[in-house]
Amino acid sequence: MVLRIKPILTTEYDDLILKNTSNWRVTNDIVRKIGGDKSEIIQACKKLEETDYLETNPNKNKIMYRRKKTPQSEFNFINMMDNMEANQKSELNSLNQFSTLFMKDGKRLRQKVLDVLAHINEEVNRAYMVKVRLEYQMKSSLIPDSVAEDRIKKLDKHIEKIMNAIISKNKNNRAAEAIQDYFQNHTTKFEFKI
């Protein structure tokens, strides 16, 4: 019995990008093949590269992408965690810039707040995505158990740190409750196929 773990990826284009990059492809080919907003597809490719799902090969003035089939190196994992930390700080700083989180009616979150929460949620989902891949690689003996467990612990700490920071910055009960509701309603569910 082979355990295949297929996470539902965080942006609408991630699945399609990974399906269409089994061989080297130029960014324009990926955009043409997938169809959709070019800037969002390029951003999704960059995020997938940061999380080590894609590898790049600069070819003259063009960047080529290919799905990565090997486990993530320690160096790449550290770089990915550094990028996640930088994104986290930036998004938490953006959230702190708002004088109020709610619209004038006092019940609904402002659109700019929702946008920042969506970015934070995407980062959390990407961390979960990497975590699921590590668990799969550990079960498949592609990486040593101790390495995978250490990385999973780091990802768990990162996720917990984000959530604690968001809640602690918004000590107002109503704001904390609204933010918790947002994350409960917008988390990515992972699908496991056996």
N, C-alpha and C. Protein backbone atom coordinates (compact mmCIF):
# COMPACT_ATOMS: atom_id res chain seq x y z
N MET A 1 0.84 -1.17 0.00
CA MET A 1 0.00 0.00 0.00
C MET A 1 0.89 1.24 0.00
N VAL A 2 0.68 2.12 -0.95
CA VAL A 2 1.45 3.35 -1.06
C VAL A 2 0.59 4.49 -0.56
N LEU A 3 1.14 5.28 0.33
CA LEU A 3 0.44 6.43 0.87
C LEU A 3 0.82 7.64 0.05
N ARG A 4 -0.17 8.17 -0.67
CA ARG A 4 0.06 9.40 -1.44
C ARG A 4 -0.64 10.53 -0.73
N ILE A 5 0.10 11.53 -0.39
CA ILE A 5 -0.47 12.68 0.29
C ILE A 5 -0.54 13.81 -0.71
N LYS A 6 -1.74 14.32 -0.93
CA LYS A 6 -1.93 15.40 -1.87
C LYS A 6 -2.54 16.59 -1.15
N PRO A 7 -1.72 17.57 -0.78
CA PRO A 7 -2.31 18.74 -0.13
C PRO A 7 -3.04 19.60 -1.15
N ILE A 8 -4.15 20.18 -0.74
CA ILE A 8 -4.80 21.18 -1.56
C ILE A 8 -3.99 22.44 -1.34
N LEU A 9 -3.40 22.93 -2.41
CA LEU A 9 -2.44 24.01 -2.24
C LEU A 9 -3.12 25.35 -2.00
N THR A 10 -2.33 26.30 -1.54
CA THR A 10 -2.91 27.50 -0.95
C THR A 10 -3.39 28.54 -1.94
N THR A 11 -2.76 28.68 -3.07
CA THR A 11 -3.30 29.62 -4.04
C THR A 11 -4.04 28.82 -5.09
N GLU A 12 -4.88 29.51 -5.82
CA GLU A 12 -5.69 28.79 -6.81
C GLU A 12 -4.84 28.21 -7.94
N TYR A 13 -3.62 28.69 -8.11
CA TYR A 13 -2.79 28.24 -9.22
C TYR A 13 -1.76 27.19 -8.86
N ASP A 14 -1.50 26.95 -7.58
CA ASP A 14 -0.42 26.05 -7.18
C ASP A 14 -0.55 24.65 -7.78
N ASP A 15 -1.72 24.05 -7.66
CA ASP A 15 -1.92 22.71 -8.22
C ASP A 15 -1.62 22.68 -9.71
N LEU A 16 -2.17 23.67 -10.43
CA LEU A 16 -1.98 23.72 -11.88
C LEU A 16 -0.52 23.96 -12.25
N ILE A 17 0.16 24.79 -11.49
CA ILE A 17 1.58 25.05 -11.76
C ILE A 17 2.38 23.76 -11.61
N LEU A 18 2.14 23.03 -10.52
CA LEU A 18 2.89 21.80 -10.28
C LEU A 18 2.56 20.72 -11.31
N LYS A 19 1.32 20.68 -11.78
CA LYS A 19 0.94 19.71 -12.82
C LYS A 19 1.64 20.00 -14.13
N ASN A 20 1.90 21.27 -14.41
CA ASN A 20 2.46 21.67 -15.70
C ASN A 20 3.94 21.95 -15.69
N THR A 21 4.63 21.60 -14.62
CA THR A 21 6.07 21.86 -14.56
C THR A 21 6.87 20.58 -14.30
N SER A 22 6.44 19.48 -14.87
CA SER A 22 7.24 18.26 -14.72
C SER A 22 8.54 18.38 -15.53
N ASN A 23 8.53 19.21 -16.55
CA ASN A 23 9.73 19.53 -17.33
C ASN A 23 9.97 21.03 -17.22
N TRP A 24 11.16 21.46 -17.64
CA TRP A 24 11.47 22.88 -17.57
C TRP A 24 10.49 23.68 -18.43
N ARG A 25 9.94 24.74 -17.85
CA ARG A 25 9.00 25.61 -18.57
C ARG A 25 9.32 27.07 -18.25
N VAL A 26 9.23 27.89 -19.29
CA VAL A 26 9.39 29.33 -19.14
C VAL A 26 8.11 29.88 -18.52
N THR A 27 8.23 30.96 -17.77
CA THR A 27 7.09 31.55 -17.08
C THR A 27 5.92 31.82 -18.02
N ASN A 28 6.20 32.37 -19.19
CA ASN A 28 5.11 32.66 -20.14
C ASN A 28 4.39 31.40 -20.58
N ASP A 29 5.11 30.29 -20.74
CA ASP A 29 4.47 29.02 -21.09
C ASP A 29 3.54 28.55 -19.97
N ILE A 30 3.99 28.72 -18.73
CA ILE A 30 3.16 28.32 -17.59
C ILE A 30 1.89 29.16 -17.56
N VAL A 31 2.03 30.47 -17.75
CA VAL A 31 0.87 31.37 -17.74
C VAL A 31 -0.09 31.00 -18.86
N ARG A 32 0.45 30.75 -20.05
CA ARG A 32 -0.38 30.39 -21.20
C ARG A 32 -1.11 29.07 -20.98
N LYS A 33 -0.41 28.11 -20.44
CA LYS A 33 -0.99 26.79 -20.20
C LYS A 33 -2.10 26.82 -19.14
N ILE A 34 -1.88 27.60 -18.07
CA ILE A 34 -2.82 27.65 -16.96
C ILE A 34 -3.97 28.61 -17.26
N GLY A 35 -3.64 29.77 -17.81
CA GLY A 35 -4.65 30.80 -18.02
C GLY A 35 -4.96 31.47 -16.69
N GLY A 36 -5.14 32.75 -16.71
CA GLY A 36 -5.42 33.47 -15.47
C GLY A 36 -4.55 34.69 -15.36
N ASP A 37 -4.54 35.27 -14.19
CA ASP A 37 -3.80 36.49 -13.94
C ASP A 37 -2.29 36.21 -13.91
N LYS A 38 -1.58 36.83 -14.85
CA LYS A 38 -0.14 36.57 -14.99
C LYS A 38 0.63 36.91 -13.72
N SER A 39 0.33 38.05 -13.12
CA SER A 39 1.09 38.46 -11.93
C SER A 39 0.84 37.50 -10.76
N GLU A 40 -0.38 37.00 -10.61
CA GLU A 40 -0.67 36.04 -9.55
C GLU A 40 0.03 34.71 -9.80
N ILE A 41 0.08 34.28 -11.05
CA ILE A 41 0.75 33.01 -11.40
C ILE A 41 2.25 33.13 -11.14
N ILE A 42 2.84 34.25 -11.52
CA ILE A 42 4.27 34.47 -11.29
C ILE A 42 4.55 34.51 -9.79
N GLN A 43 3.68 35.18 -9.04
CA GLN A 43 3.84 35.24 -7.57
C GLN A 43 3.72 33.84 -6.97
N ALA A 44 2.78 33.04 -7.46
CA ALA A 44 2.61 31.67 -6.97
C ALA A 44 3.86 30.84 -7.28
N CYS A 45 4.44 31.04 -8.47
CA CYS A 45 5.68 30.32 -8.82
C CYS A 45 6.81 30.70 -7.86
N LYS A 46 6.92 31.97 -7.53
CA LYS A 46 7.96 32.42 -6.60
C LYS A 46 7.75 31.82 -5.22
N LYS A 47 6.49 31.78 -4.76
CA LYS A 47 6.19 31.18 -3.45
C LYS A 47 6.50 29.69 -3.45
N LEU A 48 6.18 29.00 -4.55
CA LEU A 48 6.48 27.58 -4.64
C LEU A 48 7.99 27.34 -4.67
N GLU A 49 8.71 28.27 -5.27
CA GLU A 49 10.17 28.16 -5.26
C GLU A 49 10.71 28.37 -3.85
N GLU A 50 10.14 29.35 -3.12
CA GLU A 50 10.57 29.60 -1.74
C GLU A 50 10.35 28.40 -0.84
N THR A 51 9.25 27.68 -1.07
CA THR A 51 8.95 26.50 -0.24
C THR A 51 9.57 25.24 -0.82
N ASP A 52 10.39 25.40 -1.85
CA ASP A 52 11.17 24.32 -2.44
C ASP A 52 10.32 23.27 -3.18
N TYR A 53 9.18 23.69 -3.69
CA TYR A 53 8.38 22.81 -4.55
C TYR A 53 8.84 22.92 -6.00
N LEU A 54 9.40 24.09 -6.36
CA LEU A 54 9.91 24.31 -7.72
C LEU A 54 11.38 24.68 -7.65
N GLU A 55 12.07 24.34 -8.72
CA GLU A 55 13.45 24.80 -8.86
C GLU A 55 13.53 25.68 -10.10
N THR A 56 14.49 26.59 -10.12
CA THR A 56 14.61 27.52 -11.24
C THR A 56 15.91 27.30 -11.98
N ASN A 57 15.88 27.74 -13.23
CA ASN A 57 17.06 27.68 -14.08
C ASN A 57 17.01 28.91 -14.97
N PRO A 58 17.76 29.96 -14.60
CA PRO A 58 17.76 31.15 -15.45
C PRO A 58 18.32 30.82 -16.83
N ASN A 59 17.59 31.18 -17.85
CA ASN A 59 17.99 30.90 -19.22
C ASN A 59 17.96 32.23 -19.97
N LYS A 60 19.13 32.84 -20.12
CA LYS A 60 19.27 34.17 -20.72
C LYS A 60 18.40 35.15 -19.93
N ASN A 61 17.39 35.73 -20.56
CA ASN A 61 16.54 36.71 -19.89
C ASN A 61 15.27 36.09 -19.33
N LYS A 62 15.16 34.78 -19.40
CA LYS A 62 13.94 34.11 -18.98
C LYS A 62 14.22 33.20 -17.79
N ILE A 63 13.23 33.06 -16.92
CA ILE A 63 13.35 32.13 -15.80
C ILE A 63 12.53 30.90 -16.13
N MET A 64 13.15 29.75 -15.95
CA MET A 64 12.46 28.49 -16.20
C MET A 64 12.21 27.80 -14.87
N TYR A 65 11.06 27.16 -14.78
CA TYR A 65 10.67 26.45 -13.55
C TYR A 65 10.46 24.97 -13.85
N ARG A 66 10.75 24.16 -12.84
CA ARG A 66 10.47 22.72 -12.91
C ARG A 66 10.13 22.24 -11.50
N ARG A 67 9.17 21.31 -11.44
CA ARG A 67 8.80 20.74 -10.14
C ARG A 67 9.99 20.00 -9.57
N LYS A 68 10.25 20.22 -8.31
CA LYS A 68 11.39 19.60 -7.64
C LYS A 68 10.97 18.24 -7.10
N LYS A 69 11.77 17.24 -7.37
CA LYS A 69 11.43 15.88 -6.97
C LYS A 69 12.29 15.37 -5.83
N THR A 70 13.27 16.14 -5.42
CA THR A 70 14.18 15.69 -4.36
C THR A 70 13.81 16.36 -3.04
N PRO A 71 14.18 15.75 -1.92
CA PRO A 71 13.91 16.38 -0.62
C PRO A 71 14.65 17.71 -0.47
N GLN A 72 14.13 18.54 0.38
CA GLN A 72 14.69 19.86 0.61
C GLN A 72 15.99 19.77 1.41
N SER A 73 17.01 20.48 0.97
CA SER A 73 18.28 20.49 1.70
C SER A 73 18.13 21.35 2.96
N GLU A 74 19.05 21.17 3.88
CA GLU A 74 19.02 21.95 5.12
C GLU A 74 19.17 23.44 4.83
N PHE A 75 20.05 23.77 3.90
CA PHE A 75 20.26 25.17 3.52
C PHE A 75 18.97 25.78 2.97
N ASN A 76 18.31 25.05 2.07
CA ASN A 76 17.06 25.56 1.49
C ASN A 76 15.95 25.66 2.54
N PHE A 77 15.93 24.73 3.49
CA PHE A 77 14.93 24.79 4.56
C PHE A 77 15.16 26.04 5.42
N ILE A 78 16.40 26.31 5.76
CA ILE A 78 16.72 27.49 6.56
C ILE A 78 16.35 28.77 5.80
N ASN A 79 16.65 28.82 4.50
CA ASN A 79 16.27 29.98 3.69
C ASN A 79 14.76 30.15 3.65
N MET A 80 14.04 29.04 3.50
CA MET A 80 12.58 29.09 3.47
C MET A 80 12.04 29.63 4.79
N MET A 81 12.58 29.14 5.91
CA MET A 81 12.13 29.61 7.22
C MET A 81 12.45 31.09 7.40
N ASP A 82 13.61 31.54 6.92
CA ASP A 82 13.95 32.97 6.99
C ASP A 82 12.95 33.81 6.20
N ASN A 83 12.59 33.33 5.00
CA ASN A 83 11.60 34.03 4.18
C ASN A 83 10.24 34.07 4.88
N MET A 84 9.85 32.96 5.47
CA MET A 84 8.58 32.91 6.19
C MET A 84 8.58 33.88 7.37
N GLU A 85 9.70 33.94 8.10
CA GLU A 85 9.81 34.86 9.22
C GLU A 85 9.71 36.31 8.75
N ALA A 86 10.39 36.63 7.64
CA ALA A 86 10.35 38.00 7.11
C ALA A 86 8.93 38.36 6.68
N ASN A 87 8.25 37.43 6.00
CA ASN A 87 6.87 37.67 5.58
C ASN A 87 5.97 37.85 6.79
N GLN A 88 6.19 37.04 7.81
CA GLN A 88 5.39 37.13 9.04
C GLN A 88 5.54 38.50 9.67
N LYS A 89 6.77 38.97 9.83
CA LYS A 89 7.01 40.27 10.44
C LYS A 89 6.34 41.39 9.64
N SER A 90 6.46 41.31 8.33
CA SER A 90 5.86 42.32 7.45
C SER A 90 4.34 42.35 7.59
N GLU A 91 3.73 41.18 7.60
CA GLU A 91 2.27 41.12 7.67
C GLU A 91 1.75 41.51 9.06
N LEU A 92 2.45 41.11 10.11
CA LEU A 92 2.05 41.52 11.45
C LEU A 92 2.20 43.03 11.61
N ASN A 93 3.25 43.59 11.02
CA ASN A 93 3.44 45.04 11.05
C ASN A 93 2.30 45.73 10.31
N SER A 94 1.90 45.17 9.16
CA SER A 94 0.78 45.74 8.40
C SER A 94 -0.50 45.71 9.23
N LEU A 95 -0.72 44.62 9.94
CA LEU A 95 -1.92 44.49 10.77
C LEU A 95 -1.91 45.52 11.91
N ASN A 96 -0.72 45.81 12.43
CA ASN A 96 -0.61 46.78 13.53
C ASN A 96 -0.81 48.22 13.07
N GLN A 97 -0.70 48.46 11.77
CA GLN A 97 -0.84 49.82 11.24
C GLN A 97 -2.28 50.33 11.28
N PHE A 98 -3.25 49.42 11.39
CA PHE A 98 -4.65 49.83 11.35
C PHE A 98 -5.08 50.38 12.70
N SER A 99 -5.75 51.53 12.65
CA SER A 99 -6.25 52.11 13.90
C SER A 99 -7.45 51.32 14.41
N THR A 100 -8.25 50.81 13.50
CA THR A 100 -9.37 49.97 13.88
C THR A 100 -9.49 48.82 12.89
N LEU A 101 -9.90 47.68 13.38
CA LEU A 101 -10.03 46.51 12.52
C LEU A 101 -11.42 46.41 11.90
N PHE A 102 -12.38 47.10 12.51
CA PHE A 102 -13.78 46.94 12.10
C PHE A 102 -14.27 48.09 11.25
N MET A 103 -15.29 47.79 10.45
CA MET A 103 -15.96 48.82 9.68
C MET A 103 -16.78 49.69 10.63
N LYS A 104 -17.44 50.70 10.09
CA LYS A 104 -18.21 51.62 10.94
C LYS A 104 -19.33 50.93 11.68
N ASP A 105 -19.85 49.83 11.12
CA ASP A 105 -20.95 49.13 11.80
C ASP A 105 -20.45 48.38 13.05
N GLY A 106 -19.13 48.23 13.18
CA GLY A 106 -18.55 47.59 14.35
C GLY A 106 -18.68 46.08 14.38
N LYS A 107 -19.17 45.48 13.30
CA LYS A 107 -19.38 44.04 13.27
C LYS A 107 -18.49 43.33 12.26
N ARG A 108 -18.25 43.97 11.14
CA ARG A 108 -17.48 43.33 10.07
C ARG A 108 -16.06 43.88 10.03
N LEU A 109 -15.12 43.00 9.67
CA LEU A 109 -13.72 43.43 9.53
C LEU A 109 -13.57 44.26 8.25
N ARG A 110 -12.68 45.24 8.30
CA ARG A 110 -12.40 46.07 7.13
C ARG A 110 -11.75 45.24 6.05
N GLN A 111 -11.91 45.64 4.79
CA GLN A 111 -11.37 44.89 3.66
C GLN A 111 -9.85 44.81 3.71
N LYS A 112 -9.20 45.89 4.09
CA LYS A 112 -7.73 45.88 4.18
C LYS A 112 -7.26 44.90 5.25
N VAL A 113 -8.00 44.81 6.35
CA VAL A 113 -7.67 43.86 7.40
C VAL A 113 -7.85 42.44 6.87
N LEU A 114 -8.95 42.22 6.15
CA LEU A 114 -9.20 40.89 5.56
C LEU A 114 -8.09 40.50 4.59
N ASP A 115 -7.59 41.47 3.82
CA ASP A 115 -6.50 41.20 2.88
C ASP A 115 -5.23 40.77 3.62
N VAL A 116 -4.91 41.46 4.70
CA VAL A 116 -3.72 41.11 5.48
C VAL A 116 -3.90 39.74 6.12
N LEU A 117 -5.10 39.49 6.67
CA LEU A 117 -5.37 38.17 7.26
C LEU A 117 -5.28 37.06 6.22
N ALA A 118 -5.71 37.35 4.99
CA ALA A 118 -5.60 36.36 3.90
C ALA A 118 -4.14 36.03 3.62
N HIS A 119 -3.28 37.05 3.63
CA HIS A 119 -1.85 36.82 3.40
C HIS A 119 -1.25 36.00 4.55
N ILE A 120 -1.62 36.34 5.77
CA ILE A 120 -1.13 35.59 6.93
C ILE A 120 -1.60 34.14 6.84
N ASN A 121 -2.87 33.97 6.48
CA ASN A 121 -3.43 32.62 6.35
C ASN A 121 -2.71 31.82 5.27
N GLU A 122 -2.36 32.48 4.18
CA GLU A 122 -1.62 31.80 3.12
C GLU A 122 -0.26 31.32 3.61
N GLU A 123 0.42 32.15 4.39
CA GLU A 123 1.71 31.75 4.94
C GLU A 123 1.57 30.56 5.89
N VAL A 124 0.52 30.58 6.70
CA VAL A 124 0.27 29.46 7.61
C VAL A 124 -0.02 28.19 6.81
N ASN A 125 -0.82 28.33 5.76
CA ASN A 125 -1.14 27.17 4.92
C ASN A 125 0.09 26.63 4.21
N ARG A 126 0.97 27.50 3.78
CA ARG A 126 2.21 27.04 3.14
C ARG A 126 3.07 26.28 4.14
N ALA A 127 3.10 26.74 5.38
CA ALA A 127 3.87 26.02 6.41
C ALA A 127 3.26 24.63 6.62
N TYR A 128 1.94 24.54 6.65
CA TYR A 128 1.28 23.23 6.76
C TYR A 128 1.59 22.34 5.56
N MET A 129 1.63 22.96 4.39
CA MET A 129 1.93 22.23 3.16
C MET A 129 3.32 21.59 3.25
N VAL A 130 4.29 22.35 3.70
CA VAL A 130 5.66 21.84 3.84
C VAL A 130 5.69 20.74 4.90
N LYS A 131 4.93 20.94 5.95
CA LYS A 131 4.87 19.96 7.03
C LYS A 131 4.32 18.61 6.53
N VAL A 132 3.28 18.67 5.74
CA VAL A 132 2.70 17.44 5.17
C VAL A 132 3.70 16.75 4.26
N ARG A 133 4.42 17.54 3.46
CA ARG A 133 5.43 16.95 2.57
C ARG A 133 6.54 16.30 3.38
N LEU A 134 6.95 16.93 4.47
CA LEU A 134 7.99 16.35 5.33
C LEU A 134 7.53 15.03 5.94
N GLU A 135 6.29 14.99 6.39
CA GLU A 135 5.76 13.75 6.96
C GLU A 135 5.75 12.63 5.92
N TYR A 136 5.37 12.97 4.71
CA TYR A 136 5.38 11.99 3.62
C TYR A 136 6.80 11.51 3.34
N GLN A 137 7.75 12.44 3.26
CA GLN A 137 9.14 12.08 2.98
C GLN A 137 9.73 11.24 4.11
N MET A 138 9.31 11.52 5.34
CA MET A 138 9.80 10.74 6.48
C MET A 138 9.25 9.31 6.39
N LYS A 139 7.96 9.17 6.09
CA LYS A 139 7.35 7.84 5.99
C LYS A 139 7.90 7.04 4.81
N SER A 140 8.31 7.76 3.77
CA SER A 140 8.88 7.11 2.59
C SER A 140 10.39 6.90 2.71
N SER A 141 10.96 7.27 3.83
CA SER A 141 12.40 7.15 4.11
C SER A 141 13.26 7.95 3.12
N LEU A 142 12.73 9.07 2.64
CA LEU A 142 13.50 9.93 1.76
C LEU A 142 14.43 10.85 2.55
N ILE A 143 14.03 11.16 3.79
CA ILE A 143 14.90 11.92 4.69
C ILE A 143 14.86 11.24 6.06
N PRO A 144 15.93 11.39 6.84
CA PRO A 144 15.96 10.76 8.15
C PRO A 144 14.84 11.28 9.06
N ASP A 145 14.33 10.41 9.91
CA ASP A 145 13.24 10.78 10.82
C ASP A 145 13.61 11.96 11.70
N SER A 146 14.84 11.97 12.22
CA SER A 146 15.25 13.05 13.13
C SER A 146 15.24 14.41 12.43
N VAL A 147 15.66 14.44 11.17
CA VAL A 147 15.67 15.69 10.40
C VAL A 147 14.24 16.16 10.16
N ALA A 148 13.39 15.24 9.73
CA ALA A 148 11.99 15.59 9.46
C ALA A 148 11.29 16.07 10.73
N GLU A 149 11.49 15.36 11.82
CA GLU A 149 10.84 15.75 13.08
C GLU A 149 11.31 17.11 13.56
N ASP A 150 12.61 17.39 13.41
CA ASP A 150 13.15 18.68 13.80
C ASP A 150 12.53 19.80 12.95
N ARG A 151 12.42 19.57 11.65
CA ARG A 151 11.84 20.58 10.76
C ARG A 151 10.36 20.78 11.06
N ILE A 152 9.65 19.70 11.33
CA ILE A 152 8.23 19.80 11.65
C ILE A 152 8.03 20.61 12.93
N LYS A 153 8.90 20.39 13.92
CA LYS A 153 8.82 21.16 15.17
C LYS A 153 9.04 22.65 14.89
N LYS A 154 10.00 22.96 14.02
CA LYS A 154 10.26 24.36 13.68
C LYS A 154 9.06 24.98 12.99
N LEU A 155 8.44 24.23 12.09
CA LEU A 155 7.25 24.74 11.41
C LEU A 155 6.09 24.93 12.38
N ASP A 156 5.92 23.98 13.30
CA ASP A 156 4.86 24.12 14.31
C ASP A 156 5.08 25.36 15.17
N LYS A 157 6.34 25.59 15.57
CA LYS A 157 6.65 26.78 16.37
C LYS A 157 6.36 28.05 15.58
N HIS A 158 6.69 28.03 14.29
CA HIS A 158 6.44 29.18 13.43
C HIS A 158 4.94 29.47 13.35
N ILE A 159 4.14 28.44 13.14
CA ILE A 159 2.69 28.62 13.03
C ILE A 159 2.12 29.12 14.36
N GLU A 160 2.56 28.52 15.45
CA GLU A 160 2.07 28.92 16.77
C GLU A 160 2.46 30.36 17.08
N LYS A 161 3.67 30.72 16.69
CA LYS A 161 4.16 32.08 16.93
C LYS A 161 3.30 33.10 16.19
N ILE A 162 2.94 32.79 14.96
CA ILE A 162 2.10 33.70 14.17
C ILE A 162 0.75 33.89 14.85
N MET A 163 0.11 32.77 15.19
CA MET A 163 -1.23 32.84 15.78
C MET A 163 -1.21 33.54 17.13
N ASN A 164 -0.22 33.25 17.96
CA ASN A 164 -0.12 33.92 19.26
C ASN A 164 0.13 35.41 19.10
N ALA A 165 0.95 35.78 18.12
CA ALA A 165 1.24 37.19 17.90
C ALA A 165 -0.01 37.94 17.45
N ILE A 166 -0.79 37.34 16.60
CA ILE A 166 -2.01 37.99 16.12
C ILE A 166 -2.99 38.20 17.26
N ILE A 167 -3.19 37.16 18.04
CA ILE A 167 -4.16 37.25 19.14
C ILE A 167 -3.65 38.20 20.23
N SER A 168 -2.36 38.14 20.56
CA SER A 168 -1.84 39.01 21.63
C SER A 168 -1.84 40.48 21.22
N LYS A 169 -1.69 40.77 19.95
CA LYS A 169 -1.72 42.16 19.48
C LYS A 169 -3.12 42.73 19.53
N ASN A 170 -4.11 41.86 19.48
CA ASN A 170 -5.50 42.29 19.47
C ASN A 170 -6.19 41.76 20.71
N LYS A 171 -5.92 42.39 21.83
CA LYS A 171 -6.44 41.91 23.11
C LYS A 171 -7.91 42.21 23.30
N ASN A 172 -8.44 43.10 22.47
CA ASN A 172 -9.86 43.38 22.49
C ASN A 172 -10.59 42.07 22.20
N ASN A 173 -11.49 41.66 23.09
CA ASN A 173 -12.18 40.37 22.94
C ASN A 173 -12.89 40.24 21.60
N ARG A 174 -13.55 41.31 21.19
CA ARG A 174 -14.30 41.27 19.94
C ARG A 174 -13.36 41.09 18.75
N ALA A 175 -12.24 41.81 18.75
CA ALA A 175 -11.27 41.71 17.66
C ALA A 175 -10.64 40.32 17.64
N ALA A 176 -10.25 39.82 18.79
CA ALA A 176 -9.64 38.48 18.87
C ALA A 176 -10.61 37.42 18.39
N GLU A 177 -11.87 37.56 18.79
CA GLU A 177 -12.88 36.59 18.38
C GLU A 177 -13.12 36.64 16.86
N ALA A 178 -13.15 37.86 16.31
CA ALA A 178 -13.35 38.01 14.86
C ALA A 178 -12.19 37.41 14.08
N ILE A 179 -10.98 37.60 14.57
CA ILE A 179 -9.79 37.05 13.91
C ILE A 179 -9.79 35.52 14.01
N GLN A 180 -10.13 35.00 15.17
CA GLN A 180 -10.20 33.53 15.32
C GLN A 180 -11.26 32.94 14.40
N ASP A 181 -12.40 33.62 14.29
CA ASP A 181 -13.45 33.15 13.37
C ASP A 181 -12.96 33.15 11.94
N TYR A 182 -12.21 34.20 11.57
CA TYR A 182 -11.68 34.27 10.21
C TYR A 182 -10.80 33.05 9.93
N PHE A 183 -9.88 32.76 10.82
CA PHE A 183 -8.96 31.64 10.58
C PHE A 183 -9.67 30.29 10.63
N GLN A 184 -10.67 30.15 11.46
CA GLN A 184 -11.42 28.90 11.51
C GLN A 184 -12.20 28.68 10.22
N ASN A 185 -12.66 29.76 9.61
CA ASN A 185 -13.46 29.64 8.38
C ASN A 185 -12.62 29.63 7.11
N HIS A 186 -11.34 29.94 7.20
CA HIS A 186 -10.52 30.05 6.00
C HIS A 186 -9.28 29.17 6.00
N THR A 187 -9.22 28.17 6.83
CA THR A 187 -8.05 27.30 6.82
C THR A 187 -8.16 26.29 5.68
N THR A 188 -7.02 25.89 5.18
CA THR A 188 -6.96 24.90 4.12
C THR A 188 -7.12 23.52 4.71
N LYS A 189 -7.94 22.73 4.07
CA LYS A 189 -8.08 21.35 4.49
C LYS A 189 -7.18 20.50 3.62
N PHE A 190 -6.54 19.51 4.22
CA PHE A 190 -5.64 18.66 3.46
C PHE A 190 -6.33 17.35 3.15
N GLU A 191 -6.16 16.93 1.93
CA GLU A 191 -6.82 15.73 1.42
C GLU A 191 -5.78 14.63 1.35
N PHE A 192 -6.10 13.48 1.90
CA PHE A 192 -5.16 12.36 1.92
C PHE A 192 -5.71 11.25 1.05
N LYS A 193 -4.95 10.88 0.02
CA LYS A 193 -5.37 9.80 -0.86
C LYS A 193 -4.46 8.61 -0.63
N ILE A 194 -5.09 7.44 -0.42
CA ILE A 194 -4.29 6.23 -0.19
C ILE A 194 -4.46 5.31 -1.38
